[in-house]
Protein backbone atom coordinates (compact mmCIF):
# COMPACT_ATOMS: atom_id res chain seq x y z
CA MET A 1 0.04 -0.07 0.04
CA LEU A 2 2.94 2.39 0.69
CA ASP A 3 4.29 1.74 -2.68
CA ILE A 4 1.05 2.51 -4.46
CA GLY A 5 0.32 5.56 -2.20
CA LEU A 6 3.87 6.99 -2.97
CA PHE A 7 3.47 6.20 -6.74
CA PHE A 8 0.24 7.93 -6.78
CA PHE A 9 1.49 11.06 -4.91
CA ALA A 10 4.50 11.37 -7.08
CA HIS A 11 2.67 10.75 -10.46
CA GLU A 12 -0.24 13.09 -9.59
CA VAL A 13 1.32 15.66 -7.22
CA LEU A 14 5.09 15.93 -7.75
CA PHE A 15 5.36 15.13 -11.39
CA LYS A 16 1.78 16.04 -12.48
CA GLY A 17 1.85 13.68 -15.18
CA ALA A 18 4.73 15.69 -17.17
CA LEU A 19 7.90 14.19 -18.55
CA ILE A 20 10.81 14.62 -16.19
CA GLN A 21 13.97 15.92 -17.77
CA THR A 22 17.31 14.88 -16.23
CA PRO A 23 20.81 15.69 -17.65
CA TYR A 24 21.05 12.34 -19.15
CA LEU A 25 17.59 11.23 -20.05
CA THR A 26 13.85 11.86 -20.10
CA LEU A 27 11.70 9.88 -17.80
CA THR A 28 7.96 9.49 -18.26
CA PRO A 29 5.87 10.28 -15.29
CA HIS A 30 4.97 6.71 -14.34
CA ILE A 31 8.68 5.64 -14.54
CA ALA A 32 9.81 8.65 -12.41
CA ALA A 33 6.91 7.90 -9.89
CA PHE A 34 8.06 4.28 -9.76
CA LEU A 35 11.66 5.23 -9.15
CA PHE A 36 10.50 7.78 -6.37
CA SER A 37 8.41 5.15 -4.58
CA PHE A 38 11.28 2.59 -4.77
CA VAL A 39 13.65 4.83 -2.83
CA PHE A 40 11.47 4.65 0.19
CA THR A 41 10.07 1.01 -0.26
CA PHE A 42 13.53 -0.80 -0.82
CA PRO A 43 14.84 -0.30 2.77
CA ILE A 44 11.32 -0.66 4.45
CA GLY A 45 10.68 -3.89 2.32
CA PHE A 46 13.88 -5.41 3.34
CA PHE A 47 13.32 -4.69 7.03
CA LEU A 48 9.86 -6.05 7.00
CA SER A 49 10.87 -9.03 5.01
CA ARG A 50 13.78 -9.87 7.50
CA TYR A 51 12.08 -8.99 10.82
CA VAL A 52 8.39 -9.68 10.13
CA VAL A 53 7.68 -12.06 7.22
CA PHE A 54 10.56 -14.39 7.20
CA GLU A 55 11.68 -13.88 10.84
CA GLU A 56 12.38 -17.66 11.18
CA ALA A 57 15.17 -17.52 8.54
CA SER A 58 18.57 -18.34 9.97
CA VAL A 59 20.58 -16.91 7.11
CA ARG A 60 22.91 -14.14 8.24
CA LYS A 61 21.99 -10.37 7.23
CA ARG A 62 25.16 -9.95 5.26
CA GLU A 63 24.25 -12.84 3.20
CA GLN A 64 20.56 -11.81 2.80
CA LEU A 65 20.96 -8.25 1.58
CA PRO A 66 22.86 -9.18 -1.67
CA LYS A 67 20.29 -11.79 -2.37
CA TYR A 68 17.46 -9.42 -1.52
CA LEU A 69 19.06 -6.98 -4.04
CA ILE A 70 19.15 -9.52 -6.79
CA VAL A 71 15.38 -10.24 -6.34
CA VAL A 72 14.77 -6.45 -6.17
CA VAL A 73 16.57 -5.78 -9.40
CA GLY A 74 14.36 -8.41 -10.89
CA ALA A 75 11.13 -6.77 -9.52
CA ILE A 76 12.43 -3.49 -10.93
CA LEU A 77 12.72 -4.83 -14.41
CA LEU A 78 9.33 -6.36 -14.18
CA ASN A 79 7.86 -3.15 -12.79
CA TYR A 80 9.31 -1.25 -15.67
CA PHE A 81 8.15 -3.74 -18.19
CA PHE A 82 4.46 -3.97 -16.94
CA LEU A 83 4.22 -0.15 -16.44
CA LYS A 84 5.50 0.39 -20.07
CA VAL A 85 3.11 -2.37 -21.44
CA PHE A 86 -0.02 -1.39 -19.48
CA ILE A 87 0.40 2.47 -19.95
CA GLU A 88 2.10 2.88 -23.28
CA THR A 89 0.86 -0.08 -25.18
CA LEU A 90 -2.52 -0.75 -23.61
CA ALA A 91 -3.37 2.78 -22.75
CA MET A 92 -4.25 2.09 -19.08
CA LYS A 93 -4.53 4.90 -16.45
CA ALA A 94 -1.50 5.04 -14.37
CA LEU A 95 -2.95 4.10 -11.18
CA ILE A 96 -4.80 1.13 -12.55
CA ALA A 97 -1.49 -0.04 -14.29
CA LYS A 98 0.27 0.30 -11.06
CA LEU A 99 -2.15 -1.80 -9.08
CA LEU A 100 -1.98 -4.55 -11.67
CA THR A 101 1.79 -4.47 -11.81
CA THR A 102 1.93 -4.55 -7.94
CA ILE A 103 -0.18 -7.89 -7.87
CA PHE A 104 2.45 -9.54 -10.17
CA ILE A 105 5.38 -7.97 -8.38
CA VAL A 106 4.15 -9.04 -4.88
CA ALA A 107 3.71 -12.57 -6.07
CA PHE A 108 7.17 -12.60 -7.71
CA SER A 109 8.80 -11.11 -4.60
CA TYR A 110 7.28 -13.23 -2.12
CA PHE A 111 8.18 -16.48 -3.76
CA SER A 112 11.54 -15.22 -4.72
CA GLN A 113 12.36 -13.98 -1.10
CA ARG A 114 10.90 -17.23 0.37
CA HIS A 115 12.80 -19.57 -1.75
CA PHE A 116 15.95 -17.60 -2.43
CA THR A 117 16.73 -14.72 -0.25
CA PHE A 118 15.45 -16.00 3.21
CA LYS A 119 15.62 -19.75 2.54
CA SER A 120 17.56 -21.40 5.20
CA SER A 121 20.32 -23.88 4.48
CA PRO A 122 19.28 -27.70 4.96
CA ASP A 123 21.65 -27.95 7.88
CA THR A 124 19.92 -25.18 9.88
CA GLU A 125 16.38 -26.30 9.38
């Protein structure tokens, strides 16, 4: 919910649906809003995954963080792909596209984190 709320705020209030010019590239408002929300949700997501969702995992934090980052990079690529397809190809409204994208990303992230990032080794189970 935080991700969707931050996405909506950034898309509608901060960027107002306009293209974002940077020195190196131009971002569409939905990609800029996604990146904005990611800055906040990445550290919060790791904390919640480690200490709330997968608290029984016996893997050390320094081993979990790189694995978490790998899964997050996959989620970023999927986010980018789904937002591009839903908004630019299928002409969906940004918030609807983000909601649908989030459904896919939550499923991908949960199963990836459960079976890769926070999976305990067989000798510690």
